[in-house]
């Protein structure tokens, strides 16, 4: 019963980390420019 919920949380955390990493990469590139 907990598997689907854990998968949803895992996917949400992954998306959050990816969005943060992309934002940090973009901000770093802007700083370099």
N, C-alpha and C. Protein backbone atom coordinates (compact mmCIF):
# COMPACT_ATOMS: atom_id res chain seq x y z
N UNK A 1 0.83 -1.21 0.00
CA UNK A 1 0.00 0.00 0.00
C UNK A 1 0.86 1.26 0.00
N UNK A 2 2.07 1.16 0.58
CA UNK A 2 2.91 2.36 0.69
C UNK A 2 3.77 2.57 -0.55
N UNK A 3 3.87 1.56 -1.41
CA UNK A 3 4.76 1.68 -2.57
C UNK A 3 4.38 2.86 -3.48
N UNK A 4 3.12 2.97 -3.93
CA UNK A 4 2.77 4.09 -4.82
C UNK A 4 3.05 5.44 -4.19
N UNK A 5 2.72 5.58 -2.89
CA UNK A 5 2.95 6.86 -2.21
C UNK A 5 4.44 7.19 -2.19
N UNK A 6 5.26 6.19 -1.87
CA UNK A 6 6.71 6.42 -1.82
C UNK A 6 7.23 6.80 -3.20
N UNK A 7 6.69 6.16 -4.24
CA UNK A 7 7.15 6.47 -5.60
C UNK A 7 6.78 7.92 -5.95
N UNK A 8 5.57 8.34 -5.56
CA UNK A 8 5.15 9.72 -5.84
C UNK A 8 6.06 10.71 -5.14
N UNK A 9 6.37 10.44 -3.87
CA UNK A 9 7.25 11.34 -3.11
C UNK A 9 8.63 11.36 -3.75
N UNK A 10 9.13 10.19 -4.13
CA UNK A 10 10.46 10.10 -4.75
C UNK A 10 10.50 10.91 -6.04
N UNK A 11 9.46 10.78 -6.87
CA UNK A 11 9.42 11.53 -8.13
C UNK A 11 9.36 13.03 -7.85
N UNK A 12 8.57 13.43 -6.86
CA UNK A 12 8.46 14.85 -6.53
C UNK A 12 9.80 15.40 -6.07
N UNK A 13 10.50 14.65 -5.24
CA UNK A 13 11.81 15.10 -4.75
C UNK A 13 12.80 15.18 -5.91
N UNK A 14 12.76 14.19 -6.80
CA UNK A 14 13.67 14.21 -7.96
C UNK A 14 13.41 15.45 -8.81
N UNK A 15 12.15 15.74 -9.09
CA UNK A 15 11.82 16.92 -9.90
C UNK A 15 12.30 18.18 -9.21
N UNK A 16 12.09 18.26 -7.88
CA UNK A 16 12.51 19.44 -7.13
C UNK A 16 14.02 19.63 -7.22
N UNK A 17 14.77 18.51 -7.06
CA UNK A 17 16.23 18.59 -7.13
C UNK A 17 16.67 19.00 -8.53
N UNK A 18 16.02 18.44 -9.55
CA UNK A 18 16.39 18.78 -10.94
C UNK A 18 16.12 20.26 -11.20
N UNK A 19 14.97 20.76 -10.75
CA UNK A 19 14.65 22.17 -10.96
C UNK A 19 15.66 23.06 -10.24
N UNK A 20 16.02 22.70 -9.01
CA UNK A 20 16.99 23.50 -8.25
C UNK A 20 18.34 23.48 -8.94
N UNK A 21 18.77 22.29 -9.41
CA UNK A 21 20.08 22.19 -10.05
C UNK A 21 20.09 23.01 -11.34
N UNK A 22 18.99 22.96 -12.10
CA UNK A 22 18.93 23.75 -13.33
C UNK A 22 19.00 25.24 -13.00
N UNK A 23 18.26 25.66 -11.99
CA UNK A 23 18.25 27.07 -11.60
C UNK A 23 19.65 27.51 -11.17
N UNK A 24 20.34 26.65 -10.39
CA UNK A 24 21.69 26.99 -9.94
C UNK A 24 22.64 27.07 -11.13
N UNK A 25 22.51 26.13 -12.06
CA UNK A 25 23.38 26.15 -13.24
C UNK A 25 23.15 27.42 -14.05
N UNK A 26 21.88 27.79 -14.23
CA UNK A 26 21.57 29.00 -15.00
C UNK A 26 22.13 30.24 -14.28
N UNK A 27 21.96 30.31 -12.97
CA UNK A 27 22.45 31.47 -12.21
C UNK A 27 23.97 31.53 -12.28
N UNK A 28 24.63 30.37 -12.22
CA UNK A 28 26.09 30.35 -12.31
C UNK A 28 26.54 30.83 -13.69
N UNK A 29 25.83 30.42 -14.74
CA UNK A 29 26.19 30.85 -16.09
C UNK A 29 26.01 32.35 -16.22
N UNK A 30 24.94 32.88 -15.63
CA UNK A 30 24.71 34.32 -15.69
C UNK A 30 25.83 35.07 -14.96
N UNK A 31 26.29 34.51 -13.85
CA UNK A 31 27.38 35.15 -13.11
C UNK A 31 28.65 35.16 -13.96
N UNK A 32 28.90 34.05 -14.68
CA UNK A 32 30.09 33.98 -15.53
C UNK A 32 30.01 35.03 -16.64
N UNK A 33 28.80 35.23 -17.19
CA UNK A 33 28.65 36.22 -18.25
C UNK A 33 28.83 37.62 -17.68
